[in-house]
């Protein structure tokens, strides 16, 4: 067993390069095994903000089911944002045309 009861540890860096996620499987003194997920977010040059959750082994099945549902709900929203990027950014209008500078009508072509 590793430092502070660590059984396994890995990390993932976000594309923004400001966040890192740590996934640590640990065992406490009572012998309970748990997952500790930590988000570390950089502020400035040397400061970090940390948030963490703990999921115990006996709760993992239900936790993963809920996580799968949440991820599935995010997929259609991400796909819609890729199809309709004008919905996420500012709309620029060309004076006198009543339309946007890119010629978009503001309608979602996927719904037609």
Protein backbone atom coordinates (compact mmCIF):
# COMPACT_ATOMS: atom_id res chain seq x y z
CA UNK A 1 0.00 0.00 0.00
CA UNK A 2 1.25 3.46 -0.87
CA UNK A 3 1.39 6.75 0.96
CA UNK A 4 -1.75 7.61 2.98
CA UNK A 5 -3.45 4.32 2.08
CA UNK A 6 -3.17 4.82 -1.68
CA UNK A 7 -3.85 1.68 -3.71
CA UNK A 8 -3.97 3.30 -7.15
CA UNK A 9 -3.58 6.81 -8.53
CA UNK A 10 -3.81 8.42 -11.97
CA UNK A 11 -4.49 11.88 -13.33
CA UNK A 12 -6.02 13.59 -16.34
CA UNK A 13 -5.21 17.08 -17.56
CA UNK A 14 -8.03 19.10 -19.08
CA UNK A 15 -7.69 20.67 -22.52
CA UNK A 16 -7.80 24.11 -20.91
CA UNK A 17 -4.53 23.29 -19.10
CA UNK A 18 -5.91 25.07 -16.04
CA UNK A 19 -7.50 21.97 -14.52
CA UNK A 20 -6.13 18.60 -13.53
CA UNK A 21 -8.24 15.70 -12.27
CA UNK A 22 -6.78 13.11 -9.90
CA UNK A 23 -8.39 9.69 -9.42
CA UNK A 24 -7.12 8.01 -6.26
CA UNK A 25 -8.24 4.65 -4.90
CA UNK A 26 -7.48 4.51 -1.20
CA UNK A 27 -8.07 2.40 1.88
CA UNK A 28 -8.80 4.02 5.23
CA UNK A 29 -7.72 2.72 8.64
CA UNK A 30 -10.99 0.79 9.02
CA UNK A 31 -10.24 -1.11 5.79
CA UNK A 32 -12.88 0.70 3.70
CA UNK A 33 -11.88 1.20 0.06
CA UNK A 34 -12.96 4.42 -1.65
CA UNK A 35 -12.42 6.54 -4.74
CA UNK A 36 -11.23 10.08 -4.15
CA UNK A 37 -11.69 12.38 -7.18
CA UNK A 38 -9.89 15.71 -6.93
CA UNK A 39 -10.12 18.68 -9.29
CA UNK A 40 -7.19 21.06 -9.01
CA UNK A 41 -7.66 24.40 -10.76
CA UNK A 42 -4.80 26.84 -11.27
CA UNK A 43 -5.27 30.46 -10.18
CA UNK A 44 -2.46 32.79 -11.10
CA UNK A 45 1.10 31.52 -11.13
CA UNK A 46 1.32 29.55 -7.89
CA UNK A 47 -2.17 29.26 -6.38
CA UNK A 48 -4.50 26.27 -6.77
CA UNK A 49 -8.13 25.73 -5.85
CA UNK A 50 -9.04 22.14 -5.00
CA UNK A 51 -12.40 20.34 -4.88
CA UNK A 52 -12.91 16.70 -4.10
CA UNK A 53 -15.52 14.00 -3.76
CA UNK A 54 -15.28 10.62 -2.10
CA UNK A 55 -17.23 7.56 -3.28
CA UNK A 56 -17.06 4.44 -1.14
CA UNK A 57 -16.78 0.99 -2.70
CA UNK A 58 -20.29 -0.06 -1.61
CA UNK A 59 -21.79 3.00 -3.38
CA UNK A 60 -19.79 2.65 -6.61
CA UNK A 61 -22.41 0.74 -8.66
CA UNK A 62 -25.12 3.37 -8.10
CA UNK A 63 -22.61 6.20 -8.56
CA UNK A 64 -21.49 4.81 -11.94
CA UNK A 65 -25.08 4.36 -13.11
CA UNK A 66 -25.85 7.99 -12.28
CA UNK A 67 -22.59 9.12 -13.92
CA UNK A 68 -23.46 7.20 -17.10
CA UNK A 69 -26.86 8.94 -17.22
CA UNK A 70 -25.26 12.35 -16.74
CA UNK A 71 -22.67 11.72 -19.48
CA UNK A 72 -25.39 10.48 -21.85
CA UNK A 73 -27.35 13.69 -21.21
CA UNK A 74 -24.29 15.78 -22.08
CA UNK A 75 -23.72 14.11 -25.47
CA UNK A 76 -26.83 15.52 -27.24
CA UNK A 77 -26.11 18.98 -25.83
CA UNK A 78 -22.51 18.86 -27.09
CA UNK A 79 -23.64 17.63 -30.52
CA UNK A 80 -26.23 20.42 -30.75
CA UNK A 81 -23.59 23.02 -29.89
CA UNK A 82 -21.36 21.72 -32.69
CA UNK A 83 -24.22 21.82 -35.22
CA UNK A 84 -25.29 25.32 -34.23
CA UNK A 85 -22.21 27.27 -33.14
CA UNK A 86 -23.97 30.61 -33.59
CA UNK A 87 -26.02 29.81 -30.51
CA UNK A 88 -22.99 29.85 -28.24
CA UNK A 89 -21.27 32.99 -29.48
CA UNK A 90 -22.20 36.59 -30.19
CA UNK A 91 -24.36 37.39 -33.20
CA UNK A 92 -22.97 40.04 -35.51
CA UNK A 93 -25.44 41.93 -37.67
CA UNK A 94 -24.61 43.73 -40.88
CA UNK A 95 -26.30 47.15 -40.77
CA UNK A 96 -29.25 47.43 -43.16
CA UNK A 97 -29.54 43.71 -43.91
CA UNK A 98 -31.44 42.50 -40.87
CA UNK A 99 -29.31 39.34 -40.97
CA UNK A 100 -26.09 38.17 -39.50
CA UNK A 101 -22.76 38.84 -41.15
CA UNK A 102 -22.34 35.13 -41.87
CA UNK A 103 -25.67 34.86 -43.66
CA UNK A 104 -27.16 32.50 -41.05
CA UNK A 105 -30.91 32.69 -40.62
CA UNK A 106 -30.80 31.81 -36.91
CA UNK A 107 -32.77 28.59 -37.52
CA UNK A 108 -31.44 25.18 -36.69
CA UNK A 109 -30.96 23.31 -40.01
CA UNK A 110 -31.17 19.98 -38.18
CA UNK A 111 -34.80 20.68 -37.25
CA UNK A 112 -35.92 21.33 -40.83
